Amino acid sequence: MKNNKINWRWEEGIVDEQKEHIELRYGNARETSYDSWIPIAQISKPKRHTFIVEWLVGQDSPSDQIMIADARRQLDFFLVEHDIDIIPDHWEYAIYHCGTSGNMYASVHWSYFRNGNQGERHSSKVIDLSTEKSAKLSGDSRKPGKYIKNG
């Protein structure tokens, strides 16, 4: 019997940031904002089920190695390991992940740029709310809160 399973993969290379791509940044979303996170990689839209990943940090320091190891685990999980029968388009799944709350809770944050770096960034965001706005959303008027905004 012939195996028709599609094998998704990623490999290192150069990503054209003027075209559609995903950017990975490293940081703590509860303490700092997108602008202060460290850009660590860019991912191209796949061709023939292969993503190109360009590393934006070196592998010289221990902190770079930690960031790269965390990013590699996520690249494997989101781009490669999913069952094709459940998630047929891994690029669309990666774009979807950019807007999830899980994207904010991890230390590696994904942002989608449909029209390259000059276009709008699509990603989940942490927003601070005043006591009044927090009460409207949660029904609890005791204290302000932090919430994840998708998209």
C-alpha atoms as a PDB file:
ATOM      1  CA  MET A   1       0.000   0.000   0.000  1.00  0.00           C
ATOM      2  CA  LYS A   2       1.324   3.438  -0.936  1.00  0.00           C
ATOM      3  CA  ASN A   3       1.825   5.988   1.837  1.00  0.00           C
ATOM      4  CA  ASN A   4       0.263   9.293   0.745  1.00  0.00           C
ATOM      5  CA  LYS A   5       1.153  11.120   3.946  1.00  0.00           C
ATOM      6  CA  ILE A   6       2.500  14.625   3.367  1.00  0.00           C
ATOM      7  CA  ASN A   7       5.606  15.397   5.384  1.00  0.00           C
ATOM      8  CA  TRP A   8       5.788  19.004   6.522  1.00  0.00           C
ATOM      9  CA  ARG A   9       9.189  20.341   7.530  1.00  0.00           C
ATOM     10  CA  TRP A  10      11.169  23.504   8.114  1.00  0.00           C
ATOM     11  CA  GLU A  11      14.714  24.373   7.165  1.00  0.00           C
ATOM     12  CA  GLU A  12      17.020  27.314   7.744  1.00  0.00           C
ATOM     13  CA  GLY A  13      17.343  29.956   5.070  1.00  0.00           C
ATOM     14  CA  ILE A  14      16.559  33.579   4.193  1.00  0.00           C
ATOM     15  CA  VAL A  15      13.034  35.006   4.553  1.00  0.00           C
ATOM     16  CA  ASP A  16      11.913  38.027   2.521  1.00  0.00           C
ATOM     17  CA  GLU A  17      10.347  40.226   5.200  1.00  0.00           C
ATOM     18  CA  GLN A  18       8.684  42.347   2.493  1.00  0.00           C
ATOM     19  CA  LYS A  19       6.451  39.342   1.695  1.00  0.00           C
ATOM     20  CA  GLU A  20       3.925  37.417   3.752  1.00  0.00           C
ATOM     21  CA  HIS A  21       5.633  35.867   6.783  1.00  0.00           C
ATOM     22  CA  ILE A  22       5.443  35.117  10.491  1.00  0.00           C
ATOM     23  CA  GLU A  23       7.804  36.682  13.004  1.00  0.00           C
ATOM     24  CA  LEU A  24       8.784  35.083  16.314  1.00  0.00           C
ATOM     25  CA  ARG A  25       9.750  37.240  19.284  1.00  0.00           C
ATOM     26  CA  TYR A  26      10.880  36.228  22.742  1.00  0.00           C
ATOM     27  CA  GLY A  27       9.670  37.911  25.931  1.00  0.00           C
ATOM     28  CA  ASN A  28       7.283  37.968  28.860  1.00  0.00           C
ATOM     29  CA  ALA A  29       3.895  39.335  27.755  1.00  0.00           C
ATOM     30  CA  ARG A  30       2.770  39.912  31.328  1.00  0.00           C
ATOM     31  CA  GLU A  31       5.667  42.252  32.066  1.00  0.00           C
ATOM     32  CA  THR A  32       6.665  43.849  28.753  1.00  0.00           C
ATOM     33  CA  SER A  33       5.179  44.769  25.376  1.00  0.00           C
ATOM     34  CA  TYR A  34       5.818  43.580  21.823  1.00  0.00           C
ATOM     35  CA  ASP A  35       8.338  46.360  21.124  1.00  0.00           C
ATOM     36  CA  SER A  36      10.640  45.174  23.909  1.00  0.00           C
ATOM     37  CA  TRP A  37      10.577  41.466  22.979  1.00  0.00           C
ATOM     38  CA  ILE A  38      13.614  40.134  21.133  1.00  0.00           C
ATOM     39  CA  PRO A  39      13.043  39.243  17.458  1.00  0.00           C
ATOM     40  CA  ILE A  40      14.409  35.701  17.141  1.00  0.00           C
ATOM     41  CA  ALA A  41      13.163  34.274  13.821  1.00  0.00           C
ATOM     42  CA  GLN A  42      11.071  34.767  10.704  1.00  0.00           C
ATOM     43  CA  ILE A  43       9.090  32.068   8.887  1.00  0.00           C
ATOM     44  CA  SER A  44       8.151  32.127   5.207  1.00  0.00           C
ATOM     45  CA  LYS A  45       4.932  30.848   3.718  1.00  0.00           C
ATOM     46  CA  PRO A  46       5.723  27.221   2.784  1.00  0.00           C
ATOM     47  CA  LYS A  47       6.536  25.943  -0.671  1.00  0.00           C
ATOM     48  CA  ARG A  48       5.935  22.246  -1.268  1.00  0.00           C
ATOM     49  CA  HIS A  49       5.278  21.733   2.468  1.00  0.00           C
ATOM     50  CA  THR A  50       8.603  23.282   3.508  1.00  0.00           C
ATOM     51  CA  PHE A  51       8.875  26.399   5.656  1.00  0.00           C
ATOM     52  CA  ILE A  52      12.003  28.546   5.539  1.00  0.00           C
ATOM     53  CA  VAL A  53      13.106  29.798   8.970  1.00  0.00           C
ATOM     54  CA  GLU A  54      15.606  32.624   9.283  1.00  0.00           C
ATOM     55  CA  TRP A  55      17.229  33.014  12.690  1.00  0.00           C
ATOM     56  CA  LEU A  56      17.617  36.632  13.789  1.00  0.00           C
ATOM     57  CA  VAL A  57      19.793  35.813  16.816  1.00  0.00           C
ATOM     58  CA  GLY A  58      23.134  34.062  16.964  1.00  0.00           C
ATOM     59  CA  GLN A  59      23.922  30.937  18.896  1.00  0.00           C
ATOM     60  CA  ASP A  60      26.847  32.450  20.777  1.00  0.00           C
ATOM     61  CA  SER A  61      25.377  33.161  24.186  1.00  0.00           C
ATOM     62  CA  PRO A  62      23.488  30.868  26.560  1.00  0.00           C
ATOM     63  CA  SER A  63      20.435  33.174  26.420  1.00  0.00           C
ATOM     64  CA  ASP A  64      20.399  32.909  22.596  1.00  0.00           C
ATOM     65  CA  GLN A  65      20.598  29.129  22.879  1.00  0.00           C
ATOM     66  CA  ILE A  66      17.647  29.057  25.287  1.00  0.00           C
ATOM     67  CA  MET A  67      15.525  31.248  22.977  1.00  0.00           C
ATOM     68  CA  ILE A  68      16.411  29.150  19.933  1.00  0.00           C
ATOM     69  CA  ALA A  69      15.647  25.886  21.761  1.00  0.00           C
ATOM     70  CA  ASP A  70      12.231  27.235  22.830  1.00  0.00           C
ATOM     71  CA  ALA A  71      11.524  28.432  19.290  1.00  0.00           C
ATOM     72  CA  ARG A  72      12.622  25.103  17.744  1.00  0.00           C
ATOM     73  CA  ARG A  73      10.168  23.230  19.974  1.00  0.00           C
ATOM     74  CA  GLN A  74       7.356  25.523  18.843  1.00  0.00           C
ATOM     75  CA  LEU A  75       8.377  25.327  15.175  1.00  0.00           C
ATOM     76  CA  ASP A  76       8.261  21.540  15.342  1.00  0.00           C
ATOM     77  CA  PHE A  77       4.939  21.546  17.180  1.00  0.00           C
ATOM     78  CA  PHE A  78       3.055  24.103  15.056  1.00  0.00           C
ATOM     79  CA  LEU A  79       4.630  23.539  11.638  1.00  0.00           C
ATOM     80  CA  VAL A  80       5.548  19.853  11.495  1.00  0.00           C
ATOM     81  CA  GLU A  81       4.005  17.514  14.046  1.00  0.00           C
ATOM     82  CA  HIS A  82       0.275  17.945  13.437  1.00  0.00           C
ATOM     83  CA  ASP A  83      -1.626  15.146  11.760  1.00  0.00           C
ATOM     84  CA  ILE A  84      -2.500  16.134   8.187  1.00  0.00           C
ATOM     85  CA  ASP A  85      -5.960  14.556   8.572  1.00  0.00           C
ATOM     86  CA  ILE A  86      -6.747  16.883  11.468  1.00  0.00           C
ATOM     87  CA  ILE A  87      -4.893  20.006  10.309  1.00  0.00           C
ATOM     88  CA  PRO A  88      -4.436  19.845   6.534  1.00  0.00           C
ATOM     89  CA  ASP A  89      -2.892  23.322   6.104  1.00  0.00           C
ATOM     90  CA  HIS A  90      -0.080  23.940   8.557  1.00  0.00           C
ATOM     91  CA  TRP A  91       0.431  27.537   7.346  1.00  0.00           C
ATOM     92  CA  GLU A  92      -3.189  28.413   8.136  1.00  0.00           C
ATOM     93  CA  TYR A  93      -2.795  26.755  11.527  1.00  0.00           C
ATOM     94  CA  ALA A  94       0.338  28.825  12.231  1.00  0.00           C
ATOM     95  CA  ILE A  95      -1.562  32.003  11.280  1.00  0.00           C
ATOM     96  CA  TYR A  96      -4.435  30.949  13.550  1.00  0.00           C
ATOM     97  CA  HIS A  97      -1.979  30.411  16.422  1.00  0.00           C
ATOM     98  CA  CYS A  98      -0.793  34.028  16.094  1.00  0.00           C
ATOM     99  CA  GLY A  99      -4.173  35.191  17.437  1.00  0.00           C
ATOM    100  CA  THR A 100      -4.638  32.737  20.300  1.00  0.00           C
ATOM    101  CA  SER A 101      -4.302  33.352  24.018  1.00  0.00           C
ATOM    102  CA  GLY A 102      -1.754  30.513  24.154  1.00  0.00           C
ATOM    103  CA  ASN A 103       0.484  32.683  21.988  1.00  0.00           C
ATOM    104  CA  MET A 104       0.693  35.235  24.805  1.00  0.00           C
ATOM    105  CA  TYR A 105       1.268  32.785  27.628  1.00  0.00           C
ATOM    106  CA  ALA A 106       4.349  31.240  25.994  1.00  0.00           C
ATOM    107  CA  SER A 107       7.711  32.998  25.936  1.00  0.00           C
ATOM    108  CA  VAL A 108       7.866  32.735  22.110  1.00  0.00           C
ATOM    109  CA  HIS A 109       5.255  34.997  20.484  1.00  0.00           C
ATOM    110  CA  TRP A 110       4.081  34.608  16.882  1.00  0.00           C
ATOM    111  CA  SER A 111       2.943  37.554  14.720  1.00  0.00           C
ATOM    112  CA  TYR A 112       1.601  37.278  11.198  1.00  0.00           C
ATOM    113  CA  PHE A 113       2.403  39.877   8.526  1.00  0.00           C
ATOM    114  CA  ARG A 114       0.114  39.293   5.531  1.00  0.00           C
ATOM    115  CA  ASN A 115       1.703  42.127   3.523  1.00  0.00           C
ATOM    116  CA  GLY A 116       5.249  42.000   4.858  1.00  0.00           C
ATOM    117  CA  ASN A 117       6.736  44.195   7.586  1.00  0.00           C
ATOM    118  CA  GLN A 118       5.150  47.307   6.077  1.00  0.00           C
ATOM    119  CA  GLY A 119       1.684  45.855   6.657  1.00  0.00           C
ATOM    120  CA  GLU A 120      -0.432  45.335   9.717  1.00  0.00           C
ATOM    121  CA  ARG A 121       0.693  42.865  12.391  1.00  0.00           C
ATOM    122  CA  HIS A 122      -1.823  40.167  13.350  1.00  0.00           C
ATOM    123  CA  SER A 123      -1.266  38.690  16.800  1.00  0.00           C
ATOM    124  CA  SER A 124      -2.853  38.310  20.196  1.00  0.00           C
ATOM    125  CA  LYS A 125      -2.197  41.152  22.622  1.00  0.00           C
ATOM    126  CA  VAL A 126      -2.308  41.701  26.363  1.00  0.00           C
ATOM    127  CA  ILE A 127      -4.407  44.732  27.228  1.00  0.00           C
ATOM    128  CA  ASP A 128      -4.674  46.506  30.571  1.00  0.00           C
ATOM    129  CA  LEU A 129      -8.174  47.492  31.595  1.00  0.00           C
ATOM    130  CA  SER A 130      -9.365  50.089  34.038  1.00  0.00           C
ATOM    131  CA  THR A 131     -11.549  48.985  36.940  1.00  0.00           C
ATOM    132  CA  GLU A 132     -14.634  50.183  35.035  1.00  0.00           C
ATOM    133  CA  LYS A 133     -13.831  48.338  31.799  1.00  0.00           C
ATOM    134  CA  SER A 134     -12.756  45.244  33.712  1.00  0.00           C
ATOM    135  CA  ALA A 135     -16.079  45.209  35.560  1.00  0.00           C
ATOM    136  CA  LYS A 136     -17.998  45.467  32.276  1.00  0.00           C
ATOM    137  CA  LEU A 137     -16.200  42.436  30.872  1.00  0.00           C
ATOM    138  CA  SER A 138     -16.037  40.251  33.945  1.00  0.00           C
ATOM    139  CA  GLY A 139     -18.835  41.498  36.165  1.00  0.00           C
ATOM    140  CA  ASP A 140     -16.290  42.014  38.968  1.00  0.00           C
ATOM    141  CA  SER A 141     -15.772  45.644  39.953  1.00  0.00           C
ATOM    142  CA  ARG A 142     -13.116  45.026  42.591  1.00  0.00           C
ATOM    143  CA  LYS A 143      -9.935  45.493  40.562  1.00  0.00           C
ATOM    144  CA  PRO A 144      -8.521  46.215  37.113  1.00  0.00           C
ATOM    145  CA  GLY A 145      -7.253  43.324  35.067  1.00  0.00           C
ATOM    146  CA  LYS A 146      -5.147  42.103  32.179  1.00  0.00           C
ATOM    147  CA  TYR A 147      -6.842  40.296  29.340  1.00  0.00           C
ATOM    148  CA  ILE A 148      -5.752  38.652  26.121  1.00  0.00           C
ATOM    149  CA  LYS A 149      -7.167  40.230  22.981  1.00  0.00           C
ATOM    150  CA  ASN A 150      -7.225  37.885  20.004  1.00  0.00           C
ATOM    151  CA  GLY A 151      -6.476  39.166  16.514  1.00  0.00           C
END
